[in-house]
Amino acid sequence: MGLLENMKARLGPAKDKVSDLASRHGDRVQHGIDKAARAVDERTKGKYSDRIQAGTGRAKEAMDRLAHKEEPHVSGAKPPARPEGPPPTS
């Protein structure tokens, strides 16, 4: 067994545990991310606000992926089709 396979085998259970914790406590973690972003933004006096917001968005997306909120598509399967153009009027 190669080094990479060995590491994957050992980290598999940890990934499952992190995923479970992220799905159960995702709202609390995201609240913490927001709180940290505000603190950093205040200490930098807004100088890096755009970068902080971008990083916060990426961190929240990563949390969603860990919590399996966005299920990956099966290989070869197409994502659901989105309607083209404006929505129909009633």
N, C-alpha and C. Protein backbone atom coordinates (compact mmCIF):
# COMPACT_ATOMS: atom_id res chain seq x y z
N MET A 1 0.86 -1.18 0.00
CA MET A 1 0.00 0.00 0.00
C MET A 1 0.89 1.23 0.00
N GLY A 2 0.61 2.16 -0.91
CA GLY A 2 1.40 3.37 -1.02
C GLY A 2 1.09 4.36 0.09
N LEU A 3 1.91 5.35 0.19
CA LEU A 3 1.75 6.36 1.22
C LEU A 3 0.41 7.08 1.11
N LEU A 4 0.03 7.44 -0.11
CA LEU A 4 -1.21 8.17 -0.31
C LEU A 4 -2.42 7.32 0.10
N GLU A 5 -2.43 6.06 -0.30
CA GLU A 5 -3.55 5.18 0.07
C GLU A 5 -3.61 4.97 1.58
N ASN A 6 -2.43 4.87 2.20
CA ASN A 6 -2.36 4.69 3.64
C ASN A 6 -2.93 5.91 4.36
N MET A 7 -2.59 7.10 3.89
CA MET A 7 -3.10 8.33 4.50
C MET A 7 -4.61 8.44 4.31
N LYS A 8 -5.10 8.11 3.12
CA LYS A 8 -6.54 8.16 2.88
C LYS A 8 -7.28 7.20 3.79
N ALA A 9 -6.72 6.01 3.98
CA ALA A 9 -7.36 5.02 4.84
C ALA A 9 -7.43 5.50 6.29
N ARG A 10 -6.39 6.17 6.73
CA ARG A 10 -6.37 6.66 8.11
C ARG A 10 -7.23 7.90 8.31
N LEU A 11 -7.32 8.73 7.29
CA LEU A 11 -8.08 9.98 7.42
C LEU A 11 -9.56 9.81 7.09
N GLY A 12 -9.96 8.71 6.50
CA GLY A 12 -11.36 8.48 6.14
C GLY A 12 -12.32 8.64 7.30
N PRO A 13 -12.07 7.94 8.43
CA PRO A 13 -12.97 8.11 9.58
C PRO A 13 -12.99 9.53 10.13
N ALA A 14 -11.85 10.21 10.10
CA ALA A 14 -11.81 11.59 10.59
C ALA A 14 -12.65 12.50 9.70
N LYS A 15 -12.59 12.27 8.39
CA LYS A 15 -13.38 13.09 7.47
C LYS A 15 -14.87 12.89 7.73
N ASP A 16 -15.27 11.65 7.98
CA ASP A 16 -16.67 11.37 8.28
C ASP A 16 -17.10 12.08 9.56
N LYS A 17 -16.23 12.08 10.57
CA LYS A 17 -16.57 12.72 11.83
C LYS A 17 -16.69 14.23 11.66
N VAL A 18 -15.76 14.83 10.91
CA VAL A 18 -15.81 16.26 10.65
C VAL A 18 -17.07 16.61 9.87
N SER A 19 -17.41 15.78 8.91
CA SER A 19 -18.61 16.01 8.11
C SER A 19 -19.85 15.96 9.00
N ASP A 20 -19.89 15.01 9.90
CA ASP A 20 -21.03 14.89 10.82
C ASP A 20 -21.13 16.11 11.73
N LEU A 21 -20.00 16.54 12.27
CA LEU A 21 -19.99 17.73 13.13
C LEU A 21 -20.39 18.98 12.35
N ALA A 22 -19.92 19.08 11.11
CA ALA A 22 -20.27 20.24 10.29
C ALA A 22 -21.76 20.27 9.99
N SER A 23 -22.37 19.10 9.77
CA SER A 23 -23.79 19.09 9.47
C SER A 23 -24.62 19.39 10.72
N ARG A 24 -24.14 18.98 11.89
CA ARG A 24 -24.90 19.24 13.12
C ARG A 24 -24.69 20.64 13.66
N HIS A 25 -23.49 21.20 13.50
CA HIS A 25 -23.16 22.49 14.11
C HIS A 25 -22.76 23.54 13.09
N GLY A 26 -23.18 23.36 11.85
CA GLY A 26 -22.81 24.28 10.79
C GLY A 26 -23.23 25.71 11.04
N ASP A 27 -24.41 25.89 11.61
CA ASP A 27 -24.88 27.25 11.88
C ASP A 27 -24.00 27.95 12.91
N ARG A 28 -23.55 27.23 13.91
CA ARG A 28 -22.68 27.81 14.93
C ARG A 28 -21.31 28.15 14.35
N VAL A 29 -20.80 27.28 13.49
CA VAL A 29 -19.50 27.53 12.87
C VAL A 29 -19.59 28.74 11.95
N GLN A 30 -20.65 28.82 11.16
CA GLN A 30 -20.80 29.96 10.27
C GLN A 30 -20.96 31.26 11.05
N HIS A 31 -21.64 31.20 12.19
CA HIS A 31 -21.75 32.38 13.05
C HIS A 31 -20.35 32.79 13.54
N GLY A 32 -19.52 31.81 13.89
CA GLY A 32 -18.16 32.09 14.31
C GLY A 32 -17.32 32.69 13.20
N ILE A 33 -17.52 32.21 11.97
CA ILE A 33 -16.81 32.77 10.82
C ILE A 33 -17.19 34.24 10.64
N ASP A 34 -18.48 34.53 10.74
CA ASP A 34 -18.94 35.93 10.62
C ASP A 34 -18.36 36.81 11.73
N LYS A 35 -18.35 36.28 12.95
CA LYS A 35 -17.84 37.04 14.09
C LYS A 35 -16.34 37.33 13.92
N ALA A 36 -15.59 36.34 13.46
CA ALA A 36 -14.15 36.53 13.24
C ALA A 36 -13.92 37.55 12.12
N ALA A 37 -14.73 37.48 11.07
CA ALA A 37 -14.59 38.40 9.95
C ALA A 37 -14.85 39.84 10.41
N ARG A 38 -15.87 40.02 11.24
CA ARG A 38 -16.16 41.37 11.75
C ARG A 38 -15.00 41.88 12.60
N ALA A 39 -14.44 41.02 13.46
CA ALA A 39 -13.34 41.44 14.33
C ALA A 39 -12.12 41.84 13.51
N VAL A 40 -11.79 41.06 12.50
CA VAL A 40 -10.64 41.37 11.66
C VAL A 40 -10.90 42.66 10.88
N ASP A 41 -12.11 42.82 10.38
CA ASP A 41 -12.45 44.02 9.62
C ASP A 41 -12.34 45.27 10.50
N GLU A 42 -12.77 45.16 11.75
CA GLU A 42 -12.67 46.30 12.66
C GLU A 42 -11.22 46.63 12.97
N ARG A 43 -10.40 45.60 13.19
CA ARG A 43 -8.99 45.84 13.54
C ARG A 43 -8.20 46.40 12.37
N THR A 44 -8.60 46.06 11.17
CA THR A 44 -7.90 46.60 9.99
C THR A 44 -8.57 47.87 9.50
N LYS A 45 -9.57 48.35 10.24
CA LYS A 45 -10.29 49.59 9.93
C LYS A 45 -10.87 49.60 8.52
N GLY A 46 -11.36 48.42 8.08
CA GLY A 46 -12.03 48.32 6.79
C GLY A 46 -11.11 48.30 5.59
N LYS A 47 -9.81 48.31 5.81
CA LYS A 47 -8.86 48.38 4.71
C LYS A 47 -8.95 47.15 3.79
N TYR A 48 -9.27 45.99 4.35
CA TYR A 48 -9.30 44.74 3.58
C TYR A 48 -10.70 44.13 3.53
N SER A 49 -11.73 44.95 3.62
CA SER A 49 -13.11 44.45 3.68
C SER A 49 -13.46 43.53 2.53
N ASP A 50 -13.08 43.91 1.31
CA ASP A 50 -13.43 43.07 0.16
C ASP A 50 -12.75 41.71 0.23
N ARG A 51 -11.52 41.66 0.67
CA ARG A 51 -10.81 40.38 0.80
C ARG A 51 -11.37 39.55 1.94
N ILE A 52 -11.74 40.21 3.01
CA ILE A 52 -12.32 39.49 4.15
C ILE A 52 -13.65 38.87 3.75
N GLN A 53 -14.47 39.63 3.02
CA GLN A 53 -15.76 39.10 2.58
C GLN A 53 -15.57 37.92 1.63
N ALA A 54 -14.59 38.01 0.74
CA ALA A 54 -14.33 36.92 -0.20
C ALA A 54 -13.88 35.67 0.56
N GLY A 55 -13.00 35.84 1.52
CA GLY A 55 -12.53 34.71 2.31
C GLY A 55 -13.63 34.11 3.16
N THR A 56 -14.50 34.96 3.69
CA THR A 56 -15.63 34.48 4.48
C THR A 56 -16.57 33.65 3.61
N GLY A 57 -16.82 34.11 2.40
CA GLY A 57 -17.67 33.36 1.48
C GLY A 57 -17.08 31.99 1.15
N ARG A 58 -15.77 31.96 0.91
CA ARG A 58 -15.12 30.68 0.62
C ARG A 58 -15.17 29.74 1.81
N ALA A 59 -14.98 30.28 3.01
CA ALA A 59 -15.03 29.44 4.21
C ALA A 59 -16.43 28.86 4.40
N LYS A 60 -17.46 29.65 4.14
CA LYS A 60 -18.83 29.15 4.28
C LYS A 60 -19.14 28.10 3.23
N GLU A 61 -18.64 28.29 2.01
CA GLU A 61 -18.84 27.28 0.97
C GLU A 61 -18.16 25.97 1.35
N ALA A 62 -16.97 26.08 1.94
CA ALA A 62 -16.26 24.88 2.37
C ALA A 62 -17.04 24.16 3.47
N MET A 63 -17.63 24.92 4.38
CA MET A 63 -18.45 24.32 5.44
C MET A 63 -19.65 23.59 4.84
N ASP A 64 -20.28 24.20 3.85
CA ASP A 64 -21.42 23.56 3.19
C ASP A 64 -20.99 22.26 2.52
N ARG A 65 -19.82 22.27 1.88
CA ARG A 65 -19.34 21.04 1.25
C ARG A 65 -19.05 19.98 2.29
N LEU A 66 -18.46 20.37 3.41
CA LEU A 66 -18.18 19.41 4.47
C LEU A 66 -19.46 18.82 5.05
N ALA A 67 -20.48 19.65 5.14
CA ALA A 67 -21.75 19.20 5.70
C ALA A 67 -22.59 18.46 4.67
N HIS A 68 -22.07 18.27 3.47
CA HIS A 68 -22.75 17.56 2.38
C HIS A 68 -24.05 18.24 1.99
N LYS A 69 -24.12 19.54 2.14
CA LYS A 69 -25.31 20.26 1.69
C LYS A 69 -25.36 20.31 0.18
N GLU A 70 -24.20 20.37 -0.45
CA GLU A 70 -24.12 20.35 -1.90
C GLU A 70 -23.60 18.99 -2.30
N GLU A 71 -24.48 18.07 -2.62
CA GLU A 71 -24.07 16.74 -3.03
C GLU A 71 -23.40 16.81 -4.39
N PRO A 72 -22.24 16.20 -4.53
CA PRO A 72 -21.58 16.22 -5.84
C PRO A 72 -22.35 15.39 -6.84
N HIS A 73 -22.26 15.79 -8.10
CA HIS A 73 -22.94 15.06 -9.15
C HIS A 73 -22.20 13.76 -9.44
N VAL A 74 -22.94 12.75 -9.81
CA VAL A 74 -22.35 11.47 -10.16
C VAL A 74 -21.54 11.65 -11.43
N SER A 75 -20.41 10.98 -11.53
CA SER A 75 -19.56 11.11 -12.72
C SER A 75 -20.35 10.83 -13.98
N GLY A 76 -20.22 11.72 -14.92
CA GLY A 76 -20.90 11.55 -16.19
C GLY A 76 -22.33 12.07 -16.19
N ALA A 77 -22.89 12.30 -15.04
CA ALA A 77 -24.27 12.79 -14.98
C ALA A 77 -24.26 14.30 -15.18
N LYS A 78 -25.25 14.79 -15.86
CA LYS A 78 -25.36 16.22 -16.10
C LYS A 78 -26.07 16.87 -14.92
N PRO A 79 -25.70 18.11 -14.58
CA PRO A 79 -26.43 18.81 -13.53
C PRO A 79 -27.85 19.09 -13.99
N PRO A 80 -28.77 19.32 -13.06
CA PRO A 80 -30.15 19.62 -13.45
C PRO A 80 -30.21 20.81 -14.39
N ALA A 81 -31.07 20.72 -15.38
CA ALA A 81 -31.21 21.79 -16.37
C ALA A 81 -31.89 23.00 -15.75
N ARG A 82 -31.40 24.17 -16.10
CA ARG A 82 -32.01 25.41 -15.65
C ARG A 82 -32.75 26.03 -16.82
N PRO A 83 -33.94 26.54 -16.59
CA PRO A 83 -34.69 27.14 -17.69
C PRO A 83 -33.98 28.38 -18.21
N GLU A 84 -34.03 28.57 -19.51
CA GLU A 84 -33.41 29.73 -20.15
C GLU A 84 -34.41 30.88 -20.17
N GLY A 85 -33.94 32.08 -20.07
CA GLY A 85 -34.78 33.25 -20.17
C GLY A 85 -35.52 33.56 -18.88
N PRO A 86 -36.38 34.58 -18.94
CA PRO A 86 -37.10 35.01 -17.75
C PRO A 86 -38.19 34.00 -17.38
N PRO A 87 -38.60 34.01 -16.10
CA PRO A 87 -39.67 33.10 -15.68
C PRO A 87 -40.99 33.45 -16.36
N PRO A 88 -41.86 32.48 -16.57
CA PRO A 88 -43.15 32.77 -17.21
C PRO A 88 -44.01 33.66 -16.32
N THR A 89 -44.76 34.53 -16.95
CA THR A 89 -45.67 35.40 -16.19
C THR A 89 -47.04 34.76 -16.11
N SER A 90 -47.72 35.02 -15.00
CA SER A 90 -49.05 34.41 -14.84
C SER A 90 -50.15 35.39 -15.08
